[in-house]
Amino acid sequence: MIEEELLIQRAKDLGLFSTNTMIRGTIVQQMINMVISENSLDIVSNSELESFYKEIKVFLPMRTG
């Protein structure tokens, strides 16, 4: 595990995260997967959902008919 961290740090020092699109894409995809898996178990109550809707209502298009 320590060797892995050292390799990651060296890659950062060499700028590989910003210059190598394959490495950057892999990291971004893994971060997206992590965020999705962390948040997939959150249960939202009706009151939380209604509160959220009220906060963003001004940004939503008006419905007609």
N, C-alpha and C. Protein backbone atom coordinates (compact mmCIF):
# COMPACT_ATOMS: atom_id res chain seq x y z
N MET A 1 0.82 -1.19 0.00
CA MET A 1 0.00 0.00 0.00
C MET A 1 0.86 1.26 0.00
N ILE A 2 1.93 1.26 0.75
CA ILE A 2 2.83 2.41 0.79
C ILE A 2 3.49 2.61 -0.57
N GLU A 3 3.89 1.50 -1.21
CA GLU A 3 4.51 1.61 -2.54
C GLU A 3 3.53 2.22 -3.54
N GLU A 4 2.27 1.83 -3.44
CA GLU A 4 1.25 2.38 -4.33
C GLU A 4 1.10 3.88 -4.13
N GLU A 5 1.07 4.31 -2.88
CA GLU A 5 0.96 5.75 -2.59
C GLU A 5 2.17 6.51 -3.12
N LEU A 6 3.35 5.92 -2.99
CA LEU A 6 4.56 6.56 -3.52
C LEU A 6 4.50 6.68 -5.03
N LEU A 7 3.99 5.66 -5.69
CA LEU A 7 3.86 5.71 -7.15
C LEU A 7 2.83 6.77 -7.57
N ILE A 8 1.74 6.85 -6.84
CA ILE A 8 0.73 7.88 -7.13
C ILE A 8 1.33 9.27 -6.95
N GLN A 9 2.05 9.46 -5.86
CA GLN A 9 2.66 10.77 -5.59
C GLN A 9 3.67 11.12 -6.68
N ARG A 10 4.44 10.14 -7.13
CA ARG A 10 5.42 10.39 -8.19
C ARG A 10 4.72 10.76 -9.50
N ALA A 11 3.62 10.09 -9.80
CA ALA A 11 2.86 10.42 -11.00
C ALA A 11 2.32 11.85 -10.92
N LYS A 12 1.87 12.25 -9.73
CA LYS A 12 1.42 13.64 -9.54
C LYS A 12 2.57 14.61 -9.77
N ASP A 13 3.73 14.29 -9.18
CA ASP A 13 4.90 15.15 -9.33
C ASP A 13 5.31 15.31 -10.79
N LEU A 14 5.14 14.26 -11.57
CA LEU A 14 5.50 14.30 -12.99
C LEU A 14 4.40 14.95 -13.84
N GLY A 15 3.28 15.26 -13.22
CA GLY A 15 2.19 15.91 -13.96
C GLY A 15 1.38 14.97 -14.82
N LEU A 16 1.46 13.68 -14.54
CA LEU A 16 0.76 12.71 -15.38
C LEU A 16 -0.75 12.83 -15.30
N PHE A 17 -1.27 13.31 -14.16
CA PHE A 17 -2.71 13.43 -14.03
C PHE A 17 -3.25 14.51 -14.95
N SER A 18 -2.46 15.52 -15.22
CA SER A 18 -2.95 16.61 -16.07
C SER A 18 -2.54 16.45 -17.52
N THR A 19 -1.50 15.66 -17.81
CA THR A 19 -1.02 15.55 -19.18
C THR A 19 -1.43 14.25 -19.87
N ASN A 20 -1.70 13.21 -19.12
CA ASN A 20 -2.05 11.92 -19.72
C ASN A 20 -3.57 11.75 -19.65
N THR A 21 -4.23 11.84 -20.81
CA THR A 21 -5.69 11.79 -20.83
C THR A 21 -6.23 10.43 -20.41
N MET A 22 -5.50 9.37 -20.67
CA MET A 22 -5.96 8.04 -20.28
C MET A 22 -5.98 7.91 -18.75
N ILE A 23 -4.91 8.36 -18.10
CA ILE A 23 -4.84 8.32 -16.64
C ILE A 23 -5.92 9.21 -16.05
N ARG A 24 -6.03 10.40 -16.59
CA ARG A 24 -7.02 11.36 -16.08
C ARG A 24 -8.44 10.80 -16.23
N GLY A 25 -8.73 10.21 -17.38
CA GLY A 25 -10.05 9.63 -17.62
C GLY A 25 -10.36 8.49 -16.67
N THR A 26 -9.37 7.66 -16.41
CA THR A 26 -9.55 6.54 -15.49
C THR A 26 -9.84 7.05 -14.08
N ILE A 27 -9.09 8.04 -13.64
CA ILE A 27 -9.30 8.60 -12.30
C ILE A 27 -10.68 9.24 -12.20
N VAL A 28 -11.06 10.01 -13.21
CA VAL A 28 -12.37 10.66 -13.20
C VAL A 28 -13.48 9.61 -13.13
N GLN A 29 -13.37 8.56 -13.94
CA GLN A 29 -14.39 7.51 -13.96
C GLN A 29 -14.48 6.81 -12.61
N GLN A 30 -13.35 6.53 -11.99
CA GLN A 30 -13.36 5.89 -10.68
C GLN A 30 -13.96 6.79 -9.61
N MET A 31 -13.69 8.08 -9.69
CA MET A 31 -14.28 9.02 -8.73
C MET A 31 -15.80 9.10 -8.92
N ILE A 32 -16.25 9.11 -10.16
CA ILE A 32 -17.69 9.11 -10.43
C ILE A 32 -18.33 7.85 -9.85
N ASN A 33 -17.70 6.70 -10.09
CA ASN A 33 -18.23 5.44 -9.55
C ASN A 33 -18.29 5.47 -8.02
N MET A 34 -17.27 6.04 -7.40
CA MET A 34 -17.23 6.11 -5.95
C MET A 34 -18.35 7.01 -5.41
N VAL A 35 -18.54 8.17 -6.04
CA VAL A 35 -19.58 9.09 -5.60
C VAL A 35 -20.96 8.45 -5.77
N ILE A 36 -21.17 7.79 -6.88
CA ILE A 36 -22.46 7.14 -7.13
C ILE A 36 -22.71 6.05 -6.09
N SER A 37 -21.71 5.23 -5.82
CA SER A 37 -21.91 4.13 -4.86
C SER A 37 -22.11 4.66 -3.45
N GLU A 38 -21.45 5.75 -3.08
CA GLU A 38 -21.63 6.33 -1.75
C GLU A 38 -23.02 6.91 -1.57
N ASN A 39 -23.57 7.49 -2.63
CA ASN A 39 -24.85 8.18 -2.53
C ASN A 39 -26.04 7.32 -2.93
N SER A 40 -25.80 6.12 -3.42
CA SER A 40 -26.90 5.30 -3.90
C SER A 40 -27.77 4.77 -2.76
N LEU A 41 -27.26 4.78 -1.54
CA LEU A 41 -28.01 4.25 -0.42
C LEU A 41 -28.78 5.32 0.35
N ASP A 42 -28.61 6.58 -0.04
CA ASP A 42 -29.31 7.66 0.65
C ASP A 42 -30.81 7.58 0.36
N ILE A 43 -31.60 7.64 1.40
CA ILE A 43 -33.05 7.65 1.26
C ILE A 43 -33.54 9.06 1.56
N VAL A 44 -34.30 9.60 0.63
CA VAL A 44 -34.78 10.97 0.75
C VAL A 44 -36.24 10.92 1.16
N SER A 45 -36.57 11.68 2.20
CA SER A 45 -37.96 11.74 2.67
C SER A 45 -38.77 12.67 1.76
N ASN A 46 -40.08 12.56 1.85
CA ASN A 46 -40.95 13.44 1.06
C ASN A 46 -40.73 14.90 1.42
N SER A 47 -40.55 15.19 2.71
CA SER A 47 -40.34 16.59 3.11
C SER A 47 -39.02 17.13 2.57
N GLU A 48 -37.98 16.30 2.55
CA GLU A 48 -36.70 16.74 1.97
C GLU A 48 -36.85 16.99 0.48
N LEU A 49 -37.59 16.12 -0.19
CA LEU A 49 -37.81 16.28 -1.62
C LEU A 49 -38.62 17.55 -1.91
N GLU A 50 -39.65 17.80 -1.14
CA GLU A 50 -40.45 19.01 -1.31
C GLU A 50 -39.62 20.27 -1.05
N SER A 51 -38.79 20.22 -0.03
CA SER A 51 -37.93 21.37 0.29
C SER A 51 -36.95 21.63 -0.84
N PHE A 52 -36.36 20.57 -1.37
CA PHE A 52 -35.43 20.72 -2.49
C PHE A 52 -36.14 21.32 -3.70
N TYR A 53 -37.33 20.82 -4.00
CA TYR A 53 -38.09 21.32 -5.14
C TYR A 53 -38.39 22.81 -4.99
N LYS A 54 -38.77 23.22 -3.79
CA LYS A 54 -39.07 24.63 -3.55
C LYS A 54 -37.84 25.51 -3.77
N GLU A 55 -36.67 25.00 -3.39
CA GLU A 55 -35.43 25.76 -3.56
C GLU A 55 -35.06 25.94 -5.02
N ILE A 56 -35.31 24.93 -5.85
CA ILE A 56 -34.89 25.01 -7.26
C ILE A 56 -36.01 25.40 -8.20
N LYS A 57 -37.21 25.61 -7.66
CA LYS A 57 -38.39 25.90 -8.48
C LYS A 57 -38.17 27.07 -9.44
N VAL A 58 -37.45 28.09 -9.00
CA VAL A 58 -37.24 29.27 -9.85
C VAL A 58 -36.38 28.95 -11.07
N PHE A 59 -35.64 27.85 -11.03
CA PHE A 59 -34.77 27.49 -12.14
C PHE A 59 -35.46 26.57 -13.15
N LEU A 60 -36.64 26.07 -12.80
CA LEU A 60 -37.36 25.13 -13.67
C LEU A 60 -38.28 25.88 -14.61
N PRO A 61 -38.47 25.37 -15.83
CA PRO A 61 -39.37 26.03 -16.78
C PRO A 61 -40.82 25.93 -16.30
N MET A 62 -41.60 26.94 -16.63
CA MET A 62 -43.01 26.95 -16.26
C MET A 62 -43.75 25.92 -17.10
N ARG A 63 -44.66 25.20 -16.47
CA ARG A 63 -45.49 24.23 -17.20
C ARG A 63 -46.80 24.90 -17.56
N THR A 64 -47.26 24.64 -18.77
CA THR A 64 -48.54 25.19 -19.20
C THR A 64 -49.48 24.04 -19.52
N GLY A 65 -50.76 24.26 -19.27
CA GLY A 65 -51.79 23.29 -19.63
C GLY A 65 -51.86 22.20 -18.69
